[in-house]
Protein backbone atom coordinates (compact mmCIF):
# COMPACT_ATOMS: atom_id res chain seq x y z
CA MET A 1 23.83 305.23 94.67
CA LEU A 2 20.40 306.65 93.98
CA THR A 3 18.95 308.80 96.75
CA PHE A 4 15.42 310.01 97.29
CA GLU A 5 16.59 313.50 96.35
CA ASN A 6 18.06 312.36 93.03
CA TYR A 7 15.03 310.19 92.29
CA GLU A 8 12.70 313.13 92.98
CA LYS A 9 14.62 315.32 90.55
CA ILE A 10 14.23 312.73 87.81
CA VAL A 11 10.51 312.25 88.49
CA MET A 12 9.83 315.98 88.53
CA LYS A 13 11.72 316.43 85.26
CA GLU A 14 9.97 313.53 83.53
CA LYS A 15 6.36 313.87 84.70
CA VAL A 16 4.11 314.67 81.77
CA TYR A 17 0.80 315.72 83.24
CA GLY A 18 -0.29 319.33 83.03
CA CYS A 19 -0.15 321.57 86.09
CA GLY A 20 -3.96 321.75 86.02
CA ASN A 21 -3.90 318.06 86.90
CA LYS A 22 -1.61 318.37 89.90
CA ILE A 23 -2.60 316.12 92.78
CA LEU A 24 -5.48 314.50 90.87
CA TYR A 25 -3.39 312.83 88.17
CA PRO A 26 -0.79 311.23 90.45
CA THR A 27 -3.51 310.18 92.91
CA LEU A 28 -5.35 308.30 90.18
CA GLY A 29 -2.09 306.83 88.93
CA LEU A 30 -1.19 305.70 92.44
CA THR A 31 -4.46 303.89 92.98
CA GLY A 32 -4.20 302.24 89.56
CA GLU A 33 -0.67 301.00 90.15
CA ALA A 34 -1.46 299.83 93.69
CA GLY A 35 -4.31 297.84 92.16
CA GLU A 36 -1.85 296.24 89.74
CA VAL A 37 0.36 295.19 92.67
CA SER A 38 -2.66 293.68 94.38
CA ASP A 39 -3.76 291.90 91.21
CA LYS A 40 -0.35 290.32 90.66
CA VAL A 41 -0.25 289.12 94.28
CA LYS A 42 -3.77 287.71 93.90
CA LYS A 43 -2.73 285.77 90.81
CA VAL A 44 0.29 284.26 92.58
CA LEU A 45 -2.06 283.08 95.32
CA ARG A 46 -4.51 281.67 92.78
CA ASP A 47 -2.18 280.27 90.13
CA ASN A 48 1.06 279.50 91.99
CA ASN A 49 -0.24 278.35 95.40
CA GLY A 50 1.31 281.42 96.96
CA ASP A 51 4.80 280.65 95.66
CA PHE A 52 6.44 284.02 95.01
CA ASP A 53 9.25 282.81 92.77
CA VAL A 54 11.91 285.19 91.49
CA GLN A 55 10.07 286.03 88.26
CA LYS A 56 6.78 286.74 90.03
CA SER A 57 8.57 288.83 92.64
CA ILE A 58 10.32 290.87 89.92
CA GLU A 59 6.99 291.53 88.20
CA ILE A 60 5.52 292.78 91.49
CA ALA A 61 8.63 294.89 92.11
CA LYS A 62 8.10 296.57 88.70
CA GLU A 63 4.62 297.59 89.81
CA LEU A 64 6.01 298.81 93.14
CA ALA A 65 8.41 300.98 91.15
CA ASP A 66 5.39 302.54 89.42
CA VAL A 67 3.76 303.07 92.83
CA LEU A 68 6.90 304.84 94.01
CA TRP A 69 6.85 307.13 90.97
CA TYR A 70 3.31 308.24 91.72
CA VAL A 71 3.96 308.58 95.47
CA THR A 72 6.90 310.80 94.60
CA ALA A 73 4.94 312.93 92.14
CA LEU A 74 2.02 313.34 94.55
CA SER A 75 4.31 314.17 97.46
CA GLN A 76 6.07 316.82 95.39
CA ASP A 77 2.77 318.28 94.19
CA LEU A 78 1.69 318.58 97.83
CA GLY A 79 4.96 320.30 98.69
CA PHE A 80 6.75 317.47 100.53
CA ASP A 81 9.89 315.54 99.71
CA LEU A 82 10.27 311.79 100.18
CA ASP A 83 12.62 312.21 103.12
CA PHE A 84 9.82 314.04 104.94
CA ILE A 85 7.25 311.40 103.97
CA ALA A 86 9.57 308.55 105.02
CA GLN A 87 10.30 310.22 108.36
CA MET A 88 6.59 310.78 108.91
CA SER A 89 5.99 307.07 108.33
CA ILE A 90 8.69 306.02 110.81
CA ASP A 91 7.50 308.54 113.41
CA LYS A 92 3.92 307.28 113.07
CA VAL A 93 4.85 303.61 113.50
CA LEU A 94 7.21 304.25 116.40
CA SER A 95 4.62 306.42 118.14
CA ARG A 96 2.01 303.69 117.79
CA ARG A 97 4.42 301.08 119.11
CA ASN A 98 5.43 303.27 122.04
CA ARG A 99 1.79 303.90 122.92
CA ASN A 100 0.92 300.21 122.37
CA VAL A 101 -1.65 300.98 119.65
CA ILE A 102 -0.10 299.14 116.69
CA HIS A 103 -3.24 297.02 116.48
CA GLY A 104 -6.59 298.63 115.92
CA GLU A 105 -8.03 301.10 113.46
CA GLY A 106 -7.88 304.78 112.69
CA ASP A 107 -5.23 307.13 111.34
CA ASN A 108 -4.77 309.02 114.60
CA ARG A 109 -4.58 306.15 117.06
């Protein structure tokens, strides 16, 4: 079974951008891949009446895999592992729920 730790090792071994491009390169890659996810979802809404069949879902999942690669690379370049990032996400959501501020705007609500 693949773990975040094993996945991170593979990503760090296989990333091909120079160290002078740390943070910037994976950030640009992340936004590009997230845009591809959005574009594929948009086309399902436009061309398939919102029917996310298996093939369309697999194509979106492939783009999500690219998003994960860049999230991993950026996290590592910033000095954090995915376990830390995942825990931060859970803590943030649970804190918002416990304080009844799930709805609304702002990072620090």
